[in-house]
Amino acid sequence: MWQIDTEALCRLRSMSKPSPGHKIYPYLPRKVRTGRPNQVWAMDVQYIPMARGFVYLAAAVDRFSR
């Protein structure tokens, strides 16, 4: 099996902390009960710095069948 080194090349700032005064919106699908496929989808996009440039990693997940 191959081993992949995923260590960051530079120190990254924390993007999870909101800045002071930033409005926090509610997470709307929290109260939705998913009872069938294709009802609620989640999307995540990550910015990954590389040695020469950067890469975006995107993932779309169906919350019912995840």
N, C-alpha and C. Protein backbone atom coordinates (compact mmCIF):
# COMPACT_ATOMS: atom_id res chain seq x y z
N MET A 1 0.84 -1.18 0.00
CA MET A 1 0.00 0.00 0.00
C MET A 1 0.89 1.24 0.00
N TRP A 2 0.50 2.26 -0.75
CA TRP A 2 1.27 3.49 -0.83
C TRP A 2 0.96 4.39 0.35
N GLN A 3 1.97 5.09 0.81
CA GLN A 3 1.79 6.06 1.88
C GLN A 3 1.94 7.45 1.28
N ILE A 4 0.96 8.30 1.52
CA ILE A 4 0.96 9.65 0.96
C ILE A 4 1.20 10.64 2.09
N ASP A 5 2.18 11.51 1.90
CA ASP A 5 2.49 12.54 2.89
C ASP A 5 1.58 13.74 2.63
N THR A 6 0.72 14.06 3.59
CA THR A 6 -0.23 15.15 3.41
C THR A 6 0.09 16.35 4.29
N GLU A 7 1.33 16.49 4.71
CA GLU A 7 1.73 17.61 5.56
C GLU A 7 1.74 18.91 4.75
N ALA A 8 1.23 19.98 5.34
CA ALA A 8 1.18 21.27 4.66
C ALA A 8 2.58 21.83 4.46
N LEU A 9 2.78 22.53 3.36
CA LEU A 9 4.08 23.13 3.05
C LEU A 9 4.27 24.47 3.76
N CYS A 10 3.20 25.09 4.17
CA CYS A 10 3.30 26.36 4.87
C CYS A 10 2.30 26.39 6.02
N ARG A 11 2.52 27.27 6.96
CA ARG A 11 1.61 27.39 8.08
C ARG A 11 0.31 28.04 7.60
N LEU A 12 -0.81 27.41 7.90
CA LEU A 12 -2.10 27.92 7.45
C LEU A 12 -2.83 28.61 8.59
N ARG A 13 -3.52 29.68 8.28
CA ARG A 13 -4.29 30.35 9.31
C ARG A 13 -5.61 29.61 9.52
N SER A 14 -6.19 29.75 10.67
CA SER A 14 -7.45 29.07 10.98
C SER A 14 -8.60 29.78 10.27
N MET A 15 -9.29 29.06 9.42
CA MET A 15 -10.41 29.64 8.68
C MET A 15 -11.74 29.37 9.37
N SER A 16 -11.73 28.61 10.46
CA SER A 16 -12.97 28.22 11.13
C SER A 16 -13.46 29.25 12.13
N LYS A 17 -12.63 30.23 12.47
CA LYS A 17 -13.02 31.23 13.45
C LYS A 17 -13.56 32.46 12.75
N PRO A 18 -14.80 32.87 13.07
CA PRO A 18 -15.35 34.07 12.43
C PRO A 18 -14.66 35.33 12.95
N SER A 19 -14.57 36.34 12.11
CA SER A 19 -13.99 37.61 12.54
C SER A 19 -15.01 38.35 13.41
N PRO A 20 -14.54 39.25 14.27
CA PRO A 20 -15.47 39.99 15.14
C PRO A 20 -16.49 40.77 14.31
N GLY A 21 -17.74 40.70 14.72
CA GLY A 21 -18.80 41.40 14.02
C GLY A 21 -19.38 40.66 12.84
N HIS A 22 -18.84 39.48 12.51
CA HIS A 22 -19.35 38.71 11.38
C HIS A 22 -20.63 37.99 11.77
N LYS A 23 -21.67 38.11 10.94
CA LYS A 23 -22.94 37.47 11.24
C LYS A 23 -22.82 35.96 11.03
N ILE A 24 -23.32 35.19 11.99
CA ILE A 24 -23.30 33.74 11.89
C ILE A 24 -24.69 33.28 11.48
N TYR A 25 -24.78 32.61 10.35
CA TYR A 25 -26.04 32.13 9.83
C TYR A 25 -26.34 30.74 10.39
N PRO A 26 -27.62 30.41 10.61
CA PRO A 26 -27.95 29.09 11.15
C PRO A 26 -27.74 27.99 10.11
N TYR A 27 -27.44 26.79 10.59
CA TYR A 27 -27.27 25.63 9.72
C TYR A 27 -28.66 25.04 9.49
N LEU A 28 -29.26 25.35 8.34
CA LEU A 28 -30.65 25.01 8.08
C LEU A 28 -30.95 23.52 7.99
N PRO A 29 -30.08 22.68 7.37
CA PRO A 29 -30.44 21.25 7.25
C PRO A 29 -30.36 20.48 8.57
N ARG A 30 -29.95 21.10 9.66
CA ARG A 30 -29.83 20.38 10.93
C ARG A 30 -31.16 19.75 11.37
N LYS A 31 -32.26 20.45 11.15
CA LYS A 31 -33.57 19.96 11.60
C LYS A 31 -34.31 19.16 10.53
N VAL A 32 -33.72 19.01 9.35
CA VAL A 32 -34.37 18.27 8.26
C VAL A 32 -34.06 16.79 8.41
N ARG A 33 -35.09 15.97 8.40
CA ARG A 33 -34.90 14.52 8.45
C ARG A 33 -34.85 14.02 7.01
N THR A 34 -33.71 13.48 6.63
CA THR A 34 -33.57 12.99 5.26
C THR A 34 -34.14 11.59 5.18
N GLY A 35 -35.15 11.42 4.36
CA GLY A 35 -35.81 10.13 4.24
C GLY A 35 -35.64 9.47 2.89
N ARG A 36 -34.94 10.17 1.97
CA ARG A 36 -34.74 9.60 0.64
C ARG A 36 -33.48 10.20 0.02
N PRO A 37 -32.90 9.51 -0.96
CA PRO A 37 -31.72 10.06 -1.65
C PRO A 37 -32.06 11.34 -2.41
N ASN A 38 -31.05 12.16 -2.68
CA ASN A 38 -31.16 13.41 -3.44
C ASN A 38 -32.04 14.46 -2.77
N GLN A 39 -32.22 14.36 -1.46
CA GLN A 39 -33.03 15.35 -0.75
C GLN A 39 -32.16 16.48 -0.21
N VAL A 40 -31.02 16.15 0.39
CA VAL A 40 -30.10 17.15 0.94
C VAL A 40 -28.67 16.76 0.54
N TRP A 41 -27.96 17.72 -0.04
CA TRP A 41 -26.57 17.50 -0.44
C TRP A 41 -25.68 18.45 0.35
N ALA A 42 -24.48 18.00 0.67
CA ALA A 42 -23.50 18.83 1.36
C ALA A 42 -22.30 19.00 0.43
N MET A 43 -21.68 20.18 0.47
CA MET A 43 -20.54 20.48 -0.39
C MET A 43 -19.42 21.03 0.46
N ASP A 44 -18.20 20.59 0.17
CA ASP A 44 -17.03 21.09 0.87
C ASP A 44 -15.94 21.36 -0.15
N VAL A 45 -15.29 22.52 -0.05
CA VAL A 45 -14.19 22.87 -0.94
C VAL A 45 -12.99 23.24 -0.09
N GLN A 46 -11.86 22.63 -0.37
CA GLN A 46 -10.63 22.90 0.37
C GLN A 46 -9.58 23.46 -0.58
N TYR A 47 -8.84 24.45 -0.12
CA TYR A 47 -7.73 25.05 -0.85
C TYR A 47 -6.45 24.43 -0.30
N ILE A 48 -5.68 23.75 -1.15
CA ILE A 48 -4.48 23.05 -0.71
C ILE A 48 -3.27 23.63 -1.41
N PRO A 49 -2.37 24.32 -0.66
CA PRO A 49 -1.15 24.84 -1.28
C PRO A 49 -0.19 23.69 -1.61
N MET A 50 0.44 23.76 -2.76
CA MET A 50 1.39 22.74 -3.20
C MET A 50 2.76 23.40 -3.39
N ALA A 51 3.76 22.61 -3.74
CA ALA A 51 5.10 23.14 -3.96
C ALA A 51 5.11 24.16 -5.10
N ARG A 52 4.34 23.89 -6.17
CA ARG A 52 4.24 24.81 -7.31
C ARG A 52 2.78 25.14 -7.57
N GLY A 53 2.24 26.08 -6.85
CA GLY A 53 0.85 26.47 -7.06
C GLY A 53 -0.06 25.96 -5.96
N PHE A 54 -1.28 25.61 -6.34
CA PHE A 54 -2.27 25.13 -5.38
C PHE A 54 -3.25 24.22 -6.08
N VAL A 55 -4.07 23.54 -5.28
CA VAL A 55 -5.09 22.63 -5.79
C VAL A 55 -6.36 22.86 -4.98
N TYR A 56 -7.49 22.80 -5.63
CA TYR A 56 -8.78 22.82 -4.94
C TYR A 56 -9.29 21.38 -4.89
N LEU A 57 -9.72 20.95 -3.70
CA LEU A 57 -10.32 19.64 -3.52
C LEU A 57 -11.79 19.87 -3.19
N ALA A 58 -12.68 19.34 -4.02
CA ALA A 58 -14.11 19.52 -3.81
C ALA A 58 -14.78 18.17 -3.59
N ALA A 59 -15.72 18.14 -2.65
CA ALA A 59 -16.46 16.91 -2.37
C ALA A 59 -17.95 17.25 -2.23
N ALA A 60 -18.79 16.52 -2.94
CA ALA A 60 -20.25 16.66 -2.82
C ALA A 60 -20.77 15.34 -2.27
N VAL A 61 -21.56 15.42 -1.19
CA VAL A 61 -22.02 14.23 -0.51
C VAL A 61 -23.53 14.28 -0.33
N ASP A 62 -24.19 13.19 -0.68
CA ASP A 62 -25.63 13.05 -0.41
C ASP A 62 -25.78 12.68 1.07
N ARG A 63 -26.45 13.50 1.84
CA ARG A 63 -26.52 13.26 3.28
C ARG A 63 -27.29 11.99 3.65
N PHE A 64 -28.18 11.54 2.82
CA PHE A 64 -28.94 10.33 3.13
C PHE A 64 -28.07 9.08 3.04
N SER A 65 -27.25 9.00 2.01
CA SER A 65 -26.49 7.76 1.77
C SER A 65 -25.01 7.89 2.12
N ARG A 66 -24.61 8.98 2.75
CA ARG A 66 -23.20 9.19 3.04
C ARG A 66 -22.61 8.02 3.73
